[in-house]
Amino acid sequence: MAILNILEYPDPRLRKRAEPVERVDDAIRRLVGDMLETMYAAPGIGLAATQVDVHQRVLVADVSPDRNTPVALINPEILERDGSEITEEGCLSVPGVFDKVERANHIRARALDLRGQAIEIEAEGLLAVCIQHEIDHLDGKLFVDYLSELKRQRIRKRVEKEQKIRSAEGATPTRSATPVI
């Protein structure tokens, strides 16, 4: 397995819509393993393939306290959304930025598992939020898109400034000690 490079906002590749996976094979299973390793190292609780510049509909998540209950969804789609909650979200592709976003607090989704079998999953709370966040990535959408234009402009300027500083210093992004989506 390998730790992959996570794209950062405002990289235009984050806006590319991911293509459905045609067949779940060893390459997809290897991608899932690499994504999990990348997510855990970041540290994060979710990661979409788009964030690592692979434009296939694959996401991983693990919201368990012990970080030992990974979920991998291939070609995920939300079938039902219920309820509503506002939570503070962060994103591995927008390091250091957190803001409140409203999402459904219960979802039912359909996907393929690592064997290529169709599954349905019901999720609520943090896992539901995480899956919605990652599916947004697969659709080319970021959590900052839920914020006002003014907030997005400020975030973009701040992130670009930090990227220039890191680039000049030859540094890598500083990740939060708090796991983010």
Protein backbone atom coordinates (compact mmCIF):
# COMPACT_ATOMS: atom_id res chain seq x y z
CA MET A 1 0.00 0.00 0.00
CA ALA A 2 1.04 3.60 -0.49
CA ILE A 3 0.20 7.01 0.84
CA LEU A 4 -1.21 9.06 -2.02
CA ASN A 5 -0.95 12.81 -2.60
CA ILE A 6 -4.14 14.66 -1.61
CA LEU A 7 -5.18 17.45 -3.98
CA GLU A 8 -5.87 20.79 -2.34
CA TYR A 9 -8.47 23.43 -3.08
CA PRO A 10 -8.63 25.29 -5.45
CA ASP A 11 -7.03 22.62 -7.69
CA PRO A 12 -9.37 22.29 -10.70
CA ARG A 13 -9.02 18.48 -10.67
CA LEU A 14 -11.20 18.49 -7.54
CA ARG A 15 -14.07 19.73 -9.75
CA LYS A 16 -13.94 16.77 -12.14
CA ARG A 17 -16.89 14.39 -11.90
CA ALA A 18 -15.76 10.82 -11.22
CA GLU A 19 -16.67 8.04 -13.64
CA PRO A 20 -18.43 4.84 -12.51
CA VAL A 21 -16.22 1.83 -11.87
CA GLU A 22 -16.87 -0.73 -14.59
CA ARG A 23 -15.46 -3.74 -12.73
CA VAL A 24 -14.24 -4.25 -9.19
CA ASP A 25 -10.84 -5.87 -9.63
CA ASP A 26 -7.46 -6.00 -7.92
CA ALA A 27 -6.60 -2.49 -9.13
CA ILE A 28 -9.71 -1.09 -7.42
CA ARG A 29 -9.02 -3.08 -4.26
CA ARG A 30 -5.43 -1.74 -4.27
CA LEU A 31 -6.78 1.80 -4.72
CA VAL A 32 -9.09 1.30 -1.73
CA GLY A 33 -6.16 0.05 0.37
CA ASP A 34 -4.03 3.04 -0.64
CA MET A 35 -6.90 5.44 0.05
CA LEU A 36 -7.44 3.96 3.53
CA GLU A 37 -3.74 4.25 4.32
CA THR A 38 -3.76 7.85 3.05
CA MET A 39 -6.90 8.72 5.02
CA TYR A 40 -5.57 7.27 8.28
CA ALA A 41 -2.19 9.00 7.85
CA ALA A 42 -3.74 12.41 7.10
CA PRO A 43 -5.58 11.93 9.66
CA GLY A 44 -9.06 11.88 8.19
CA ILE A 45 -12.36 10.04 8.53
CA GLY A 46 -13.23 9.95 4.83
CA LEU A 47 -11.59 10.21 1.43
CA ALA A 48 -12.90 10.18 -2.13
CA ALA A 49 -10.83 8.96 -5.07
CA THR A 50 -11.20 12.40 -6.67
CA GLN A 51 -9.14 13.85 -3.81
CA VAL A 52 -6.18 11.67 -4.82
CA ASP A 53 -6.59 12.49 -8.53
CA VAL A 54 -8.28 9.22 -9.44
CA HIS A 55 -11.57 10.06 -11.11
CA GLN A 56 -13.49 6.89 -10.36
CA ARG A 57 -16.49 6.62 -8.02
CA VAL A 58 -14.75 5.17 -4.97
CA LEU A 59 -14.86 6.41 -1.38
CA VAL A 60 -13.57 5.21 1.96
CA ALA A 61 -14.56 6.19 5.48
CA ASP A 62 -13.94 5.21 9.08
CA VAL A 63 -15.69 7.20 11.80
CA SER A 64 -15.10 4.62 14.54
CA PRO A 65 -13.32 5.89 17.68
CA ASP A 66 -10.64 3.19 17.36
CA ARG A 67 -10.25 3.73 13.59
CA ASN A 68 -10.81 0.03 12.95
CA THR A 69 -14.10 -0.07 11.05
CA PRO A 70 -13.30 0.96 7.48
CA VAL A 71 -16.08 1.35 4.92
CA ALA A 72 -15.38 1.21 1.19
CA LEU A 73 -18.15 2.14 -1.25
CA ILE A 74 -17.79 1.77 -5.00
CA ASN A 75 -20.25 3.61 -7.27
CA PRO A 76 -22.18 4.92 -4.25
CA GLU A 77 -25.53 6.60 -4.68
CA ILE A 78 -27.87 7.96 -2.05
CA LEU A 79 -31.35 6.47 -2.24
CA GLU A 80 -32.97 8.30 0.69
CA ARG A 81 -32.17 11.25 2.93
CA ASP A 82 -33.98 11.94 6.20
CA GLY A 83 -33.72 14.60 8.85
CA SER A 84 -31.31 17.46 8.97
CA GLU A 85 -28.37 18.47 11.09
CA ILE A 86 -25.79 21.19 11.02
CA THR A 87 -22.28 20.02 11.78
CA GLU A 88 -18.86 21.58 11.54
CA GLU A 89 -17.02 20.03 8.62
CA GLY A 90 -13.44 20.11 7.53
CA CYS A 91 -11.82 18.56 4.50
CA LEU A 92 -8.45 17.01 3.76
CA SER A 93 -8.46 18.97 0.48
CA VAL A 94 -9.05 22.26 2.31
CA PRO A 95 -6.58 21.95 5.20
CA GLY A 96 -7.19 24.00 8.32
CA VAL A 97 -10.65 25.21 7.27
CA PHE A 98 -13.77 24.26 9.21
CA ASP A 99 -17.32 25.58 8.89
CA LYS A 100 -20.91 24.59 9.51
CA VAL A 101 -22.77 22.68 6.79
CA GLU A 102 -26.33 21.36 6.82
CA ARG A 103 -26.81 17.77 5.67
CA ALA A 104 -29.25 14.90 6.16
CA ASN A 105 -28.59 13.08 9.43
CA HIS A 106 -29.82 9.72 8.07
CA ILE A 107 -29.22 8.23 4.64
CA ARG A 108 -29.74 4.99 2.80
CA ALA A 109 -27.24 4.34 0.03
CA ARG A 110 -26.48 1.69 -2.55
CA ALA A 111 -22.96 0.76 -3.72
CA LEU A 112 -20.70 -2.11 -4.65
CA ASP A 113 -18.44 -3.73 -2.07
CA LEU A 114 -14.86 -4.92 -2.63
CA ARG A 115 -16.15 -8.18 -4.18
CA GLY A 116 -18.26 -6.24 -6.68
CA GLN A 117 -21.48 -7.25 -4.93
CA ALA A 118 -24.35 -4.74 -4.65
CA ILE A 119 -24.96 -3.61 -1.07
CA GLU A 120 -27.22 -1.15 0.71
CA ILE A 121 -26.05 0.76 3.73
CA GLU A 122 -27.97 2.85 6.22
CA ALA A 123 -26.02 5.49 8.06
CA GLU A 124 -26.79 8.24 10.51
CA GLY A 125 -24.92 10.95 12.31
CA LEU A 126 -21.25 11.35 11.49
CA LEU A 127 -21.11 8.42 9.04
CA ALA A 128 -24.08 9.82 7.09
CA VAL A 129 -22.41 13.24 6.95
CA CYS A 130 -19.12 11.67 5.87
CA ILE A 131 -20.69 9.64 3.05
CA GLN A 132 -22.58 12.69 1.75
CA HIS A 133 -19.36 14.76 1.90
CA GLU A 134 -17.39 12.14 -0.05
CA ILE A 135 -20.13 11.63 -2.66
CA ASP A 136 -20.05 15.40 -3.17
CA HIS A 137 -16.33 15.05 -3.99
CA LEU A 138 -17.14 12.36 -6.55
CA ASP A 139 -19.55 14.85 -8.13
CA GLY A 140 -16.92 17.61 -8.20
CA LYS A 141 -18.36 19.50 -5.24
CA LEU A 142 -16.57 20.65 -2.08
CA PHE A 143 -17.97 21.53 1.32
CA VAL A 144 -16.94 25.16 0.75
CA ASP A 145 -19.57 25.29 -2.01
CA TYR A 146 -22.19 25.31 0.75
CA LEU A 147 -20.70 28.52 2.18
CA SER A 148 -21.28 32.10 1.10
CA GLU A 149 -19.32 33.53 -1.82
CA LEU A 150 -17.50 35.87 0.56
CA LYS A 151 -16.37 32.98 2.78
CA ARG A 152 -15.25 30.98 -0.28
CA GLN A 153 -13.17 33.92 -1.54
CA ARG A 154 -11.51 34.36 1.85
CA ILE A 155 -10.77 30.63 2.11
CA ARG A 156 -9.36 30.52 -1.41
CA LYS A 157 -7.03 33.47 -0.75
CA ARG A 158 -5.87 31.99 2.55
CA VAL A 159 -5.25 28.55 1.08
CA GLU A 160 -3.39 29.95 -1.95
CA LYS A 161 -1.21 32.10 0.33
CA GLU A 162 -0.37 29.09 2.53
CA GLN A 163 0.41 26.99 -0.56
CA LYS A 164 2.84 29.66 -1.85
CA ILE A 165 4.59 29.82 1.52
CA ARG A 166 4.87 26.02 1.70
CA SER A 167 6.10 25.86 -1.88
CA ALA A 168 8.80 28.46 -1.19
CA GLU A 169 9.88 26.57 1.92
CA GLY A 170 9.62 23.15 0.26
CA ALA A 171 7.21 22.05 3.01
CA THR A 172 4.25 19.69 2.89
CA PRO A 173 0.77 20.66 4.10
CA THR A 174 0.27 20.82 7.83
CA ARG A 175 -2.63 18.56 8.72
CA SER A 176 -4.88 19.07 11.68
CA ALA A 177 -4.52 16.75 14.63
CA THR A 178 -8.32 16.52 14.55
CA PRO A 179 -9.53 13.95 12.01
CA VAL A 180 -11.37 15.60 9.15
CA ILE A 181 -13.55 14.33 6.34
